[in-house]
Amino acid sequence: MPLIAYVVIYIDQMWVNNLVVIVSLRKDSQIGKKKDRFDVHVGGPNSAHNLSWSKCQSLLNQNQHIEVAFFKQSQKMKAEYRTRLLASIDCARFLLHQGLAFRGHDESDTSENQGNFLELLHFLTGHNDDIKKVVLENAPKNLKLIAPDIQKDISNVLASETTIIIVNDIGHGLFAILCDESRDASTKE
C-alpha cells in the first residue's frame, strides 16, 4: 500500500528561532480509521492547527509581503525624494568646500538667520522651481532631509568618498602630511 506523508510546519511566537516540523507516515488504509483523531487534531478556530493554517495562508499571500509595500511607492515619490536628497547633498558639498559651519544658533521658522545650510537651501528653492516643489514646506514633515543628523551623515559620506579618492590616487606611493606651526597669546610655538 502507498504511504502518505503529512508535514506540518509550526512556528510559535514564543519560539522565534525554533521551527517545529512534524512528519507522519500512514498507510492509505488507516486514514478512514483515524478520521476522528484528525478532527481532534484540527480542533476549534483557535487550535494550534488552525492558527498554523492561517499563518501559512498569510505567508503565502504575496500582497502582504513587505517587498510589495516597498515597491508600491510611485515613481513620482521616488523622483521627489531624489530631488530633496540631491539638494541637501549640494548644500553640504558647497559648505564643506568653503569650510563653513552648517548650523546657526536659531534654526526655527521665525528666525532671521537660520544657519548656512538652511539659508543655502532657501536660496536654491528661490532659484529652482523643481527643487521648490519638493523641498522644505512642500516636503512631508518627516522627510525634509534638513535634520542635523542627516547633515552629519551627508558630511561623513562625502568625507569618506573624498578619502577613498585620495587613497586611490596615491596608491602605494609615499606621502607626507605638513602641519603648519602656530602660536598662542604668549607668542610661543
Protein backbone atom coordinates (compact mmCIF):
# COMPACT_ATOMS: atom_id res chain seq x y z
CA MET A 1 0.00 0.00 0.00
CA PRO A 2 1.23 3.53 -0.73
CA LEU A 3 2.34 5.69 2.16
CA ILE A 4 1.03 9.24 2.60
CA ALA A 5 3.29 11.80 4.27
CA TYR A 6 1.78 14.60 6.31
CA VAL A 7 4.10 17.52 7.03
CA VAL A 8 3.10 20.26 9.45
CA ILE A 9 5.32 23.28 9.93
CA TYR A 10 4.53 25.24 13.07
CA ILE A 11 6.21 28.42 14.24
CA ASP A 12 5.16 29.70 17.63
CA GLN A 13 5.65 33.31 18.74
CA MET A 14 7.44 32.06 21.87
CA TRP A 15 9.93 30.16 19.72
CA VAL A 16 11.18 32.88 17.44
CA ASN A 17 14.23 30.94 16.28
CA ASN A 18 12.77 27.44 16.52
CA LEU A 19 10.87 25.67 13.80
CA VAL A 20 8.92 22.53 14.59
CA VAL A 21 8.33 20.08 11.77
CA ILE A 22 6.09 17.08 12.35
CA VAL A 23 6.22 14.33 9.78
CA SER A 24 3.77 11.47 9.92
CA LEU A 25 3.68 8.47 7.62
CA ARG A 26 0.47 6.47 7.43
CA LYS A 27 -0.81 3.77 5.21
CA ASP A 28 -3.74 4.56 2.96
CA SER A 29 -6.00 2.10 4.77
CA GLN A 30 -5.50 3.84 8.15
CA ILE A 31 -6.89 7.19 7.04
CA GLY A 32 -10.53 6.18 7.41
CA LYS A 33 -9.97 4.61 10.83
CA LYS A 34 -8.13 7.60 12.25
CA LYS A 35 -10.50 10.33 10.98
CA ASP A 36 -11.79 11.10 14.45
CA ARG A 37 -8.19 11.61 15.68
CA PHE A 38 -7.62 14.05 12.81
CA ASP A 39 -10.75 16.02 13.74
CA VAL A 40 -9.49 16.24 17.32
CA HIS A 41 -6.14 17.47 15.99
CA VAL A 42 -7.79 20.15 13.85
CA GLY A 43 -9.88 21.35 16.80
CA GLY A 44 -11.72 24.66 17.03
CA PRO A 45 -10.96 28.01 15.44
CA ASN A 46 -8.21 28.87 17.96
CA SER A 47 -6.49 25.50 17.90
CA ALA A 48 -2.81 25.16 17.07
CA HIS A 49 -3.67 23.56 13.73
CA ASN A 50 -5.99 26.35 12.61
CA LEU A 51 -3.62 29.07 13.83
CA SER A 52 -0.80 27.42 11.88
CA TRP A 53 -3.05 27.17 8.83
CA SER A 54 -3.90 30.88 8.99
CA LYS A 55 -0.21 31.78 9.42
CA CYS A 56 0.64 29.64 6.41
CA GLN A 57 -2.05 31.36 4.32
CA SER A 58 -0.74 34.77 5.39
CA LEU A 59 2.78 33.72 4.42
CA LEU A 60 1.61 32.55 1.01
CA ASN A 61 -0.34 35.78 0.37
CA GLN A 62 2.07 37.81 -1.78
CA ASN A 63 0.20 41.09 -1.28
CA GLN A 64 1.04 41.09 2.44
CA HIS A 65 4.80 40.82 1.95
CA ILE A 66 6.95 43.78 2.94
CA GLU A 67 8.55 43.83 -0.51
CA VAL A 68 5.19 44.68 -2.07
CA ALA A 69 4.83 47.68 0.25
CA PHE A 70 8.28 48.96 -0.76
CA PHE A 71 7.55 48.62 -4.46
CA LYS A 72 4.21 50.40 -4.16
CA GLN A 73 5.99 53.73 -3.91
CA SER A 74 5.24 55.61 -7.06
CA GLN A 75 7.92 56.81 -9.42
CA LYS A 76 6.86 60.37 -8.62
CA MET A 77 7.59 59.88 -4.90
CA LYS A 78 10.98 58.39 -5.70
CA ALA A 79 11.84 61.30 -8.01
CA GLU A 80 10.77 63.84 -5.36
CA TYR A 81 12.91 62.11 -2.72
CA ARG A 82 15.89 62.06 -5.07
CA THR A 83 15.48 65.80 -5.74
CA ARG A 84 15.32 66.55 -1.99
CA LEU A 85 18.39 64.40 -1.34
CA LEU A 86 20.41 65.94 -4.17
CA ALA A 87 19.53 69.46 -2.97
CA SER A 88 20.72 68.60 0.55
CA ILE A 89 23.89 67.00 -0.82
CA ASP A 90 24.61 70.04 -3.00
CA CYS A 91 24.23 72.36 0.00
CA ALA A 92 26.51 70.17 2.12
CA ARG A 93 29.14 69.96 -0.65
CA PHE A 94 29.18 73.73 -1.04
CA LEU A 95 29.51 74.35 2.70
CA LEU A 96 32.24 71.73 3.08
CA HIS A 97 34.13 73.10 0.09
CA GLN A 98 34.03 76.61 1.57
CA GLY A 99 34.81 75.40 5.10
CA LEU A 100 31.67 76.99 6.54
CA ALA A 101 29.56 75.93 9.50
CA PHE A 102 26.30 74.17 8.75
CA ARG A 103 24.09 75.25 11.61
CA GLY A 104 23.12 78.51 13.23
CA HIS A 105 22.06 79.36 16.75
CA ASP A 106 18.35 79.58 15.93
CA GLU A 107 17.03 77.39 13.13
CA SER A 108 13.34 77.97 13.86
CA ASP A 109 10.99 79.07 11.08
CA THR A 110 10.71 82.58 12.55
CA SER A 111 14.47 83.16 12.74
CA GLU A 112 16.08 85.84 10.57
CA ASN A 113 19.25 83.75 10.10
CA GLN A 114 18.62 80.00 10.23
CA GLY A 115 22.18 78.91 9.62
CA ASN A 116 24.19 78.35 6.46
CA PHE A 117 22.65 75.01 5.44
CA LEU A 118 19.03 76.16 5.64
CA GLU A 119 19.79 79.58 4.16
CA LEU A 120 21.55 77.95 1.20
CA LEU A 121 18.62 75.57 0.78
CA HIS A 122 16.25 78.55 0.78
CA PHE A 123 18.46 80.18 -1.84
CA LEU A 124 18.25 77.06 -4.03
CA THR A 125 14.46 76.91 -3.72
CA GLY A 126 14.25 80.57 -4.72
CA HIS A 127 16.20 79.92 -7.92
CA ASN A 128 14.99 76.47 -8.97
CA ASP A 129 11.27 75.71 -9.29
CA ASP A 130 11.81 71.94 -9.47
CA ILE A 131 13.53 71.98 -6.07
CA LYS A 132 10.99 74.42 -4.64
CA LYS A 133 8.13 72.00 -5.41
CA VAL A 134 9.55 69.23 -3.18
CA VAL A 135 11.79 70.85 -0.52
CA LEU A 136 11.15 72.47 2.88
CA GLU A 137 7.47 73.47 3.26
CA ASN A 138 6.38 71.25 0.35
CA ALA A 139 8.09 68.12 1.73
CA PRO A 140 6.46 65.67 4.13
CA LYS A 141 7.18 66.57 7.76
CA ASN A 142 9.37 63.53 8.39
CA LEU A 143 11.19 63.68 5.04
CA LYS A 144 12.60 67.18 4.75
CA LEU A 145 16.24 65.96 4.94
CA ILE A 146 17.33 69.02 6.93
CA ALA A 147 17.89 67.49 10.37
CA PRO A 148 21.36 67.88 11.90
CA ASP A 149 21.82 64.09 11.93
CA ILE A 150 21.17 63.96 8.18
CA GLN A 151 23.61 66.82 7.62
CA LYS A 152 26.26 64.90 9.60
CA ASP A 153 25.55 61.71 7.65
CA ILE A 154 25.93 63.52 4.34
CA SER A 155 29.18 65.13 5.56
CA ASN A 156 30.55 61.76 6.70
CA VAL A 157 29.71 60.14 3.37
CA LEU A 158 31.35 62.98 1.44
CA ALA A 159 34.44 62.77 3.68
CA SER A 160 34.77 59.01 3.22
CA GLU A 161 34.34 59.30 -0.55
CA THR A 162 37.00 62.03 -0.67
CA THR A 163 39.34 59.86 1.41
CA ILE A 164 38.80 56.89 -0.91
CA ILE A 165 39.60 59.03 -3.97
CA ILE A 166 42.79 60.39 -2.37
CA VAL A 167 43.95 56.92 -1.31
CA ASN A 168 43.27 55.55 -4.81
CA ASP A 169 45.25 58.41 -6.37
CA ILE A 170 48.22 57.86 -4.06
CA GLY A 171 48.17 54.09 -4.39
CA HIS A 172 51.28 52.56 -2.81
CA GLY A 173 53.33 55.73 -3.11
CA LEU A 174 54.83 57.67 -0.22
CA PHE A 175 53.16 60.75 1.17
CA ALA A 176 53.64 63.26 3.96
CA ILE A 177 51.31 65.47 5.92
CA LEU A 178 52.56 69.02 6.55
CA CYS A 179 51.35 70.74 9.67
CA ASP A 180 51.92 74.44 9.99
CA GLU A 181 53.15 75.85 13.29
CA SER A 182 51.01 78.18 15.30
CA ARG A 183 51.50 80.45 18.31
CA ASP A 184 49.24 81.28 21.21
CA ALA A 185 48.94 84.56 23.12
CA SER A 186 52.32 84.03 24.80
CA THR A 187 53.96 84.05 21.33
CA LYS A 188 55.45 80.59 21.88
CA GLU A 189 55.19 77.95 19.20
